[in-house]
Amino acid sequence: MQPFLLMKQTLDSAFDPGPLLLYGPNVKNTQIAQVFSRGKAQHDHVDHFTVGIEWGDKSRSVTYVRKGDGLAIRTDDKREAGQTVRLTQPMTPSITAAAEAAMEGELTRLRSLDEPPFKDYEWSLRVDRSRCFLTGKIYGHERGSEFFIPFPFDLNESHEESALLRGIIHVPGLRGNPERAYVRSATGDTFPGTFETYMASIVTDWAESRSQKLSDLSTQLERLGLTWKLAARRLNDASVELVVGRTPHAQQGGAHDLVSVADVGFGVSQVLPVLVALLEARPGQIVYLEQPEIHLHPRAQAALAEHLVVAAGRGVRVIVETHSNLLIRGIQTHIALGTIRSSDVSMNWFSRDPQTGIAEVAVAELDEKGRFGDWPTDFDDISRDTDWAYIEASENA
């Protein structure tokens, strides 16, 4: 996910940082070399990487290359309706010819204009960089003046790609400490930076608008065994307080038995951004969760799988980085129950080659019962071996 987060923070930036913003709220790199994979030897490293996005019958593929002490975009390929157009900067003769062929109808129309001032213009193609993408433009020239007309949407528009990337909800593994007062922030369809910054303000908006989402959130917290109620209190115009029920389930006369989220276990404050993100996300939006199980009791880890499945069922694209075998088993259980189809779940195991140190990815093929075949050494194997080691040790003691 790092390349996509780099693109997200580049698009979110208030200034143009170049092809990619290296140091930002989502990814923090201080040197170009940190972006590229390398091996054991000093010369064993790559000098470019490609990021691809595909949706429906469309796709976008951008290749970034090391250039001096910075980055440059080598190629930007966009496919739509069976047609692929490659943009480079500068354009080579062959790529220019291909682009002009794709734009033949538009260029012919422009060159046939006979009314002033267009009849004296010469039309040509040019490519400029627009943040992390390349943008093709038709330029008109006449006696030292020029203006441009963007290519049609099928050649250069990046609105859909930008919306997809900027819309990523990133819930990092480090989600801050519970606070007695959370700073209010503006909320909308996109969330620049990391999501925990917006969590308290979103809950406050739900409370003030009497949204069903706040009731759903309290129900989810209770199903995790954490608390039966969450409420937001406006402290002043700049900050809010989050309070939770002191007991895991509602009790008679306990409607106002609430304490600050800072006075309960870390599990509540750490899982809140996860649950709020899943509820707030729109269908088609990406929610990237890093270790959502942090600080949760094993029972809560297993129960958390249900909320991931429900969000995916609404059309949210949920991407989870986890070290919890209980969470994985919970997903498998929901596949077996038919709550979610195996074809809607992709399980990927990341490991490191012991000799080269290079990351390897193994993809599990799940059947309709959530079962998979060959799988690298798993958490379950470690748990089993640990149990046997304890049994043998206790018997031999």
Protein backbone atom coordinates (compact mmCIF):
# COMPACT_ATOMS: atom_id res chain seq x y z
CA MET A 1 0.00 0.00 0.00
CA GLN A 2 2.97 2.36 0.37
CA PRO A 3 2.95 3.55 -3.29
CA PHE A 4 -0.78 4.31 -3.10
CA LEU A 5 -0.31 6.22 0.15
CA LEU A 6 2.53 8.18 -1.45
CA MET A 7 0.17 9.13 -4.27
CA LYS A 8 -2.59 9.99 -1.81
CA GLN A 9 -0.44 12.37 0.21
CA THR A 10 0.86 13.90 -3.03
CA LEU A 11 -2.67 14.66 -4.20
CA ASP A 12 -3.72 15.87 -0.72
CA SER A 13 -0.77 18.26 -0.40
CA ALA A 14 -1.47 22.00 -0.34
CA PHE A 15 1.49 22.57 -2.68
CA ASP A 16 2.96 20.74 -5.67
CA PRO A 17 5.67 18.50 -4.17
CA GLY A 18 6.72 16.99 -7.48
CA PRO A 19 5.85 13.50 -8.77
CA LEU A 20 5.57 12.08 -5.22
CA LEU A 21 5.58 13.66 -1.76
CA LEU A 22 8.18 11.58 0.07
CA TYR A 23 7.59 12.84 3.62
CA GLY A 24 3.98 13.30 4.60
CA PRO A 25 1.32 12.17 7.07
CA ASN A 26 0.81 8.73 5.51
CA VAL A 27 4.37 7.75 4.51
CA LYS A 28 7.56 9.26 5.88
CA ASN A 29 10.65 8.93 3.70
CA THR A 30 13.63 11.26 3.95
CA GLN A 31 15.68 9.92 1.03
CA ILE A 32 14.82 8.77 -2.48
CA ALA A 33 16.68 5.49 -1.86
CA GLN A 34 14.14 4.56 0.83
CA VAL A 35 11.42 4.33 -1.82
CA PHE A 36 13.19 1.65 -3.87
CA SER A 37 13.78 -2.02 -3.09
CA ARG A 38 17.35 -3.20 -2.76
CA GLY A 39 19.31 -6.38 -2.10
CA LYS A 40 22.35 -7.16 0.03
CA ALA A 41 24.89 -5.60 -2.30
CA GLN A 42 25.15 -1.83 -2.59
CA HIS A 43 24.61 -1.97 -6.35
CA ASP A 44 21.72 -4.45 -6.05
CA HIS A 45 18.77 -2.08 -6.19
CA VAL A 46 16.00 -1.07 -8.55
CA ASP A 47 15.73 2.36 -10.15
CA HIS A 48 12.02 2.41 -10.98
CA PHE A 49 8.65 1.04 -9.90
CA THR A 50 5.16 0.94 -11.40
CA VAL A 51 1.84 1.62 -9.69
CA GLY A 52 -1.31 0.26 -11.35
CA ILE A 53 -4.97 0.99 -10.73
CA GLU A 54 -7.82 -0.88 -12.41
CA TRP A 55 -11.55 -0.28 -12.14
CA GLY A 56 -14.19 -1.70 -14.46
CA ASP A 57 -12.87 -1.65 -18.02
CA LYS A 58 -10.41 1.15 -17.22
CA SER A 59 -6.88 1.13 -15.88
CA ARG A 60 -4.03 3.53 -15.16
CA SER A 61 -0.38 2.52 -14.83
CA VAL A 62 2.32 5.03 -13.85
CA THR A 63 6.05 4.25 -13.76
CA TYR A 64 8.28 6.36 -11.52
CA VAL A 65 12.04 6.44 -12.03
CA ARG A 66 14.97 7.74 -10.03
CA LYS A 67 16.38 10.85 -11.70
CA GLY A 68 19.42 12.42 -10.04
CA ASP A 69 18.45 13.14 -6.45
CA GLY A 70 14.75 13.13 -7.24
CA LEU A 71 11.94 11.29 -9.00
CA ALA A 72 10.43 11.58 -12.46
CA ILE A 73 7.50 9.96 -14.24
CA ARG A 74 8.81 7.70 -17.00
CA THR A 75 5.47 6.62 -18.49
CA ASP A 76 1.77 7.07 -17.77
CA ASP A 77 -0.49 4.55 -19.52
CA LYS A 78 -4.25 4.83 -19.49
CA ARG A 79 -6.63 2.24 -20.93
CA GLU A 80 -10.29 2.89 -21.55
CA ALA A 81 -12.83 1.30 -23.88
CA GLY A 82 -10.14 -0.99 -25.31
CA GLN A 83 -7.81 1.88 -26.20
CA THR A 84 -4.46 2.46 -24.45
CA VAL A 85 -2.59 5.74 -24.70
CA ARG A 86 0.93 6.17 -23.32
CA LEU A 87 2.18 9.57 -22.20
CA THR A 88 5.83 10.41 -21.56
CA GLN A 89 7.69 13.61 -20.84
CA PRO A 90 9.01 14.63 -23.27
CA MET A 91 6.99 12.79 -25.91
CA THR A 92 8.98 10.59 -28.29
CA PRO A 93 8.13 10.69 -32.01
CA SER A 94 6.48 7.26 -31.91
CA ILE A 95 4.39 8.06 -28.82
CA THR A 96 3.43 11.44 -30.29
CA ALA A 97 2.31 9.72 -33.48
CA ALA A 98 0.20 7.25 -31.49
CA ALA A 99 -1.37 10.04 -29.43
CA GLU A 100 -2.08 12.11 -32.54
CA ALA A 101 -3.70 9.07 -34.13
CA ALA A 102 -5.92 8.69 -31.08
CA MET A 103 -6.72 12.41 -31.29
CA GLU A 104 -7.07 12.49 -35.07
CA GLY A 105 -10.74 13.47 -35.02
CA GLU A 106 -10.26 16.33 -32.57
CA LEU A 107 -7.14 17.65 -34.31
CA THR A 108 -8.85 17.51 -37.70
CA ARG A 109 -11.79 19.48 -36.32
CA LEU A 110 -9.53 22.14 -34.78
CA ARG A 111 -7.38 22.46 -37.89
CA SER A 112 -10.48 22.91 -40.04
CA LEU A 113 -11.75 25.92 -38.09
CA ASP A 114 -11.85 28.90 -40.44
CA GLU A 115 -13.29 31.59 -38.19
CA PRO A 116 -10.96 34.00 -36.38
CA PRO A 117 -8.95 33.73 -34.31
CA PHE A 118 -8.69 29.94 -34.69
CA LYS A 119 -8.08 29.79 -38.45
CA ASP A 120 -4.50 31.01 -38.05
CA TYR A 121 -3.63 28.69 -35.16
CA GLU A 122 -1.29 25.73 -35.41
CA TRP A 123 -2.28 22.82 -33.18
CA SER A 124 0.14 20.45 -31.44
CA LEU A 125 0.26 17.96 -28.56
CA ARG A 126 2.15 18.50 -25.31
CA VAL A 127 2.44 16.60 -22.04
CA ASP A 128 2.74 18.26 -18.62
CA ARG A 129 3.01 16.74 -15.16
CA SER A 130 0.00 17.11 -12.87
CA ARG A 131 1.16 15.97 -9.41
CA CYS A 132 1.65 12.19 -9.67
CA PHE A 133 0.17 11.86 -13.19
CA LEU A 134 0.98 13.10 -16.68
CA THR A 135 -1.57 15.24 -18.48
CA GLY A 136 -1.85 15.52 -22.24
CA LYS A 137 -2.90 18.84 -23.76
CA ILE A 138 -3.60 20.24 -27.21
CA TYR A 139 -1.89 23.58 -27.64
CA GLY A 140 -2.89 26.26 -30.11
CA HIS A 141 -0.18 28.69 -31.28
CA GLU A 142 -0.51 31.94 -33.18
CA ARG A 143 2.04 34.75 -33.43
CA GLY A 144 3.70 34.07 -30.09
CA SER A 145 0.50 33.49 -28.14
CA GLU A 146 -0.77 30.12 -27.02
CA PHE A 147 -3.50 28.48 -25.04
CA PHE A 148 -4.31 24.85 -24.39
CA ILE A 149 -7.25 22.50 -24.58
CA PRO A 150 -7.03 19.33 -22.43
CA PHE A 151 -7.20 15.98 -24.17
CA PRO A 152 -10.60 14.28 -24.02
CA PHE A 153 -11.28 12.31 -20.83
CA ASP A 154 -10.28 8.97 -22.40
CA LEU A 155 -6.68 10.10 -22.85
CA ASN A 156 -5.65 12.11 -19.85
CA GLU A 157 -8.31 12.81 -17.27
CA SER A 158 -7.29 11.62 -13.80
CA HIS A 159 -10.44 12.62 -11.90
CA GLU A 160 -11.52 9.05 -11.16
CA GLU A 161 -8.03 7.93 -10.18
CA SER A 162 -7.49 11.01 -8.03
CA ALA A 163 -10.85 10.55 -6.32
CA LEU A 164 -10.04 6.90 -5.59
CA LEU A 165 -6.62 7.73 -4.14
CA ARG A 166 -7.66 10.83 -2.20
CA GLY A 167 -10.63 8.89 -0.85
CA ILE A 168 -8.43 6.28 0.86
CA ILE A 169 -9.18 6.15 4.59
CA HIS A 170 -5.88 5.29 6.26
CA VAL A 171 -6.08 4.00 9.83
CA PRO A 172 -2.44 3.48 10.89
CA GLY A 173 -1.13 1.00 13.43
CA LEU A 174 -0.12 3.86 15.75
CA ARG A 175 -3.38 5.67 16.49
CA GLY A 176 -2.29 7.99 19.29
CA ASN A 177 -3.17 8.02 22.98
CA PRO A 178 -6.71 8.41 24.35
CA GLU A 179 -7.42 12.08 25.03
CA ARG A 180 -9.67 13.91 27.46
CA ALA A 181 -10.21 16.58 24.82
CA TYR A 182 -10.07 15.94 21.07
CA VAL A 183 -9.51 18.85 18.72
CA ARG A 184 -12.44 19.40 16.37
CA SER A 185 -11.73 19.09 12.66
CA ALA A 186 -13.72 19.59 9.50
CA THR A 187 -15.13 16.41 7.98
CA GLY A 188 -16.24 15.63 4.45
CA ASP A 189 -16.01 12.99 1.75
CA THR A 190 -12.21 12.72 1.94
CA PHE A 191 -9.81 12.62 4.87
CA PRO A 192 -6.32 13.98 4.14
CA GLY A 193 -3.64 12.41 6.30
CA THR A 194 -4.47 9.63 8.73
CA PHE A 195 -7.99 8.99 9.93
CA GLU A 196 -7.65 9.07 13.72
CA THR A 197 -7.47 12.88 13.51
CA TYR A 198 -11.09 13.01 12.36
CA MET A 199 -12.60 10.24 14.50
CA ALA A 200 -13.92 12.36 17.42
CA SER A 201 -15.33 15.05 15.12
CA ILE A 202 -17.18 12.45 13.05
CA VAL A 203 -18.71 10.93 16.20
CA THR A 204 -19.73 14.44 17.30
CA ASP A 205 -21.37 15.09 13.92
CA TRP A 206 -23.28 11.81 14.26
CA ALA A 207 -24.47 12.80 17.73
CA GLU A 208 -25.60 16.27 16.66
CA SER A 209 -27.41 14.94 13.59
CA ARG A 210 -28.87 11.98 15.52
CA SER A 211 -27.36 9.63 12.96
CA GLN A 212 -28.11 5.92 13.15
CA LYS A 213 -24.37 5.37 12.77
CA LEU A 214 -23.77 6.41 16.39
CA SER A 215 -26.22 3.79 17.61
CA ASP A 216 -24.61 1.22 15.31
CA LEU A 217 -21.19 2.14 16.71
CA SER A 218 -22.36 1.61 20.29
CA THR A 219 -23.82 -1.77 19.28
CA GLN A 220 -20.52 -2.78 17.69
CA LEU A 221 -18.56 -1.80 20.80
CA GLU A 222 -20.93 -3.89 22.92
CA ARG A 223 -20.56 -6.90 20.61
CA LEU A 224 -16.80 -6.59 21.07
CA GLY A 225 -17.36 -6.74 24.84
CA LEU A 226 -15.91 -3.25 25.45
CA THR A 227 -18.79 -0.94 26.39
CA TRP A 228 -22.48 -0.50 25.71
CA LYS A 229 -22.50 3.20 24.88
CA LEU A 230 -20.38 5.93 23.31
CA ALA A 231 -21.29 9.61 23.48
CA ALA A 232 -19.68 12.90 22.49
CA ARG A 233 -19.69 16.02 24.66
CA ARG A 234 -18.82 19.42 23.23
CA LEU A 235 -16.35 21.04 25.64
CA ASN A 236 -15.99 24.29 23.69
CA ASP A 237 -15.89 25.49 20.10
CA ALA A 238 -12.51 23.86 19.55
CA SER A 239 -12.67 20.50 21.33
CA VAL A 240 -14.92 17.59 22.26
CA GLU A 241 -14.82 14.80 24.82
CA LEU A 242 -15.67 11.17 24.14
CA VAL A 243 -17.28 9.23 26.98
CA VAL A 244 -18.21 5.56 27.21
CA GLY A 245 -20.34 3.39 29.45
CA ARG A 246 -18.42 2.14 32.47
CA THR A 247 -19.87 -1.37 32.12
CA PRO A 248 -19.81 -3.64 29.06
CA HIS A 249 -23.63 -3.88 28.96
CA ALA A 250 -26.47 -1.54 29.88
CA GLN A 251 -27.76 -1.73 33.44
CA GLN A 252 -30.88 -0.32 35.05
CA GLY A 253 -30.24 3.22 36.23
CA GLY A 254 -26.88 3.37 34.47
CA ALA A 255 -27.76 5.63 31.54
CA HIS A 256 -25.46 8.36 32.87
CA ASP A 257 -22.75 6.08 34.25
CA LEU A 258 -20.20 7.31 31.72
CA VAL A 259 -16.46 7.95 31.95
CA SER A 260 -13.91 9.55 29.66
CA VAL A 261 -12.39 7.33 27.00
CA ALA A 262 -9.05 8.26 28.60
CA ASP A 263 -10.07 6.40 31.78
CA VAL A 264 -10.68 2.99 30.20
CA GLY A 265 -8.38 0.46 28.58
CA PHE A 266 -6.47 1.22 25.40
CA GLY A 267 -8.63 -1.24 23.48
CA VAL A 268 -11.54 1.22 23.25
CA SER A 269 -9.55 4.21 21.98
CA GLN A 270 -7.57 2.06 19.53
CA VAL A 271 -10.54 0.29 17.97
CA LEU A 272 -12.72 3.41 17.71
CA PRO A 273 -10.97 4.77 14.57
CA VAL A 274 -11.33 1.32 12.99
CA LEU A 275 -15.07 1.06 13.60
CA VAL A 276 -15.79 4.70 12.75
CA ALA A 277 -13.87 4.35 9.47
CA LEU A 278 -15.85 1.25 8.49
CA LEU A 279 -19.16 2.98 9.23
CA GLU A 280 -18.23 6.28 7.56
CA ALA A 281 -16.83 4.79 4.34
CA ARG A 282 -18.93 4.93 1.19
CA PRO A 283 -19.40 1.99 -1.20
CA GLY A 284 -16.33 1.78 -3.43
CA GLN A 285 -14.15 3.70 -0.98
CA ILE A 286 -10.91 2.10 0.25
CA VAL A 287 -10.36 1.65 3.99
CA TYR A 288 -6.80 0.61 4.84
CA LEU A 289 -6.52 -0.75 8.39
CA GLU A 290 -3.13 -1.45 9.93
CA GLN A 291 -3.37 -4.03 12.71
CA PRO A 292 -6.97 -3.32 13.80
CA GLU A 293 -6.61 -5.94 16.54
CA ILE A 294 -4.12 -3.90 18.60
CA HIS A 295 -4.91 -3.90 22.35
CA LEU A 296 -8.00 -6.07 21.87
CA HIS A 297 -8.84 -9.14 23.95
CA PRO A 298 -8.76 -12.38 21.88
CA ARG A 299 -12.56 -12.58 22.04
CA ALA A 300 -12.83 -9.07 20.62
CA GLN A 301 -10.31 -9.88 17.88
CA ALA A 302 -12.47 -12.75 16.70
CA ALA A 303 -15.65 -10.64 16.89
CA LEU A 304 -14.04 -7.81 14.90
CA ALA A 305 -14.18 -9.98 11.77
CA GLU A 306 -17.96 -9.50 11.63
CA HIS A 307 -17.64 -5.73 11.30
CA LEU A 308 -15.08 -6.06 8.50
CA VAL A 309 -17.41 -8.42 6.65
CA VAL A 310 -20.44 -6.14 7.10
CA ALA A 311 -18.53 -3.16 5.70
CA ALA A 312 -17.34 -5.22 2.72
CA GLY A 313 -20.94 -6.31 2.18
CA ARG A 314 -21.89 -2.62 1.76
CA GLY A 315 -19.33 -2.33 -1.03
CA VAL A 316 -16.50 -0.81 1.01
CA ARG A 317 -13.07 -2.01 -0.13
CA VAL A 318 -11.49 -3.14 3.14
CA ILE A 319 -7.74 -3.78 3.18
CA VAL A 320 -6.43 -5.18 6.46
CA GLU A 321 -2.87 -5.72 7.61
CA THR A 322 -3.10 -8.09 10.56
CA HIS A 323 -1.06 -10.43 12.73
CA SER A 324 -4.14 -11.97 14.35
CA ASN A 325 -4.92 -15.59 13.53
CA LEU A 326 -8.23 -15.10 15.38
CA LEU A 327 -9.26 -12.34 12.99
CA ILE A 328 -8.31 -14.48 10.00
CA ARG A 329 -10.27 -17.42 11.40
CA GLY A 330 -13.25 -15.14 11.94
CA ILE A 331 -13.21 -14.17 8.26
CA GLN A 332 -13.04 -17.84 7.29
CA THR A 333 -16.01 -18.56 9.55
CA HIS A 334 -18.12 -15.91 7.84
CA ILE A 335 -17.24 -17.41 4.46
CA ALA A 336 -18.39 -20.82 5.72
CA LEU A 337 -21.61 -19.24 7.05
CA GLY A 338 -22.26 -17.61 3.68
CA THR A 339 -22.08 -14.07 5.07
CA ILE A 340 -19.46 -13.23 2.46
CA ARG A 341 -18.34 -15.08 -0.67
CA SER A 342 -14.86 -16.53 -0.88
CA SER A 343 -14.43 -14.73 -4.20
CA ASP A 344 -14.82 -11.42 -2.34
CA VAL A 345 -11.89 -12.19 -0.03
CA SER A 346 -8.19 -12.22 -0.89
CA MET A 347 -5.73 -13.47 1.72
CA ASN A 348 -2.07 -12.67 1.14
CA TRP A 349 0.84 -13.78 3.28
CA PHE A 350 3.92 -11.55 3.29
CA SER A 351 7.22 -13.12 4.30
CA ARG A 352 10.91 -12.40 3.88
CA ASP A 353 13.38 -14.55 1.99
CA PRO A 354 15.96 -15.61 4.61
CA GLN A 355 18.83 -15.36 2.12
CA THR A 356 18.08 -12.19 0.16
CA GLY A 357 15.81 -10.36 2.59
CA ILE A 358 13.42 -9.64 -0.29
CA ALA A 359 9.69 -9.70 0.50
CA GLU A 360 7.66 -12.59 -0.88
CA VAL A 361 3.88 -12.78 -1.27
CA ALA A 362 1.84 -16.00 -1.15
CA VAL A 363 -1.83 -15.84 -2.14
CA ALA A 364 -4.30 -18.25 -0.52
CA GLU A 365 -7.04 -19.72 -2.70
CA LEU A 366 -10.13 -19.95 -0.49
CA ASP A 367 -12.93 -22.40 -1.27
CA GLU A 368 -16.64 -21.87 -0.53
CA LYS A 369 -16.09 -22.99 3.08
CA GLY A 370 -13.24 -20.57 3.69
CA ARG A 371 -10.62 -23.32 3.58
CA PHE A 372 -7.28 -22.95 1.85
CA GLY A 373 -4.62 -25.40 0.73
CA ASP A 374 -0.89 -24.87 0.94
CA TRP A 375 0.00 -21.97 3.19
CA PRO A 376 3.31 -20.76 4.61
CA THR A 377 4.16 -21.36 8.26
CA ASP A 378 1.17 -20.00 10.10
CA PHE A 379 0.31 -18.51 13.46
CA ASP A 380 -1.62 -21.70 14.16
CA ASP A 381 1.53 -23.78 13.79
CA ILE A 382 3.34 -21.53 16.23
CA SER A 383 0.46 -21.73 18.73
CA ARG A 384 0.36 -25.51 18.43
CA ASP A 385 4.13 -25.84 18.85
CA THR A 386 4.05 -23.54 21.87
CA ASP A 387 1.29 -25.62 23.48
CA TRP A 388 3.23 -28.85 22.89
CA ALA A 389 6.41 -27.30 24.27
CA TYR A 390 4.55 -26.34 27.45
CA ILE A 391 2.94 -29.78 27.80
CA GLU A 392 6.28 -31.53 27.39
CA ALA A 393 7.96 -29.15 29.81
CA SER A 394 5.26 -29.61 32.46
CA GLU A 395 5.35 -33.42 32.12
CA ASN A 396 9.13 -33.53 32.41
CA ALA A 397 9.31 -31.08 35.30
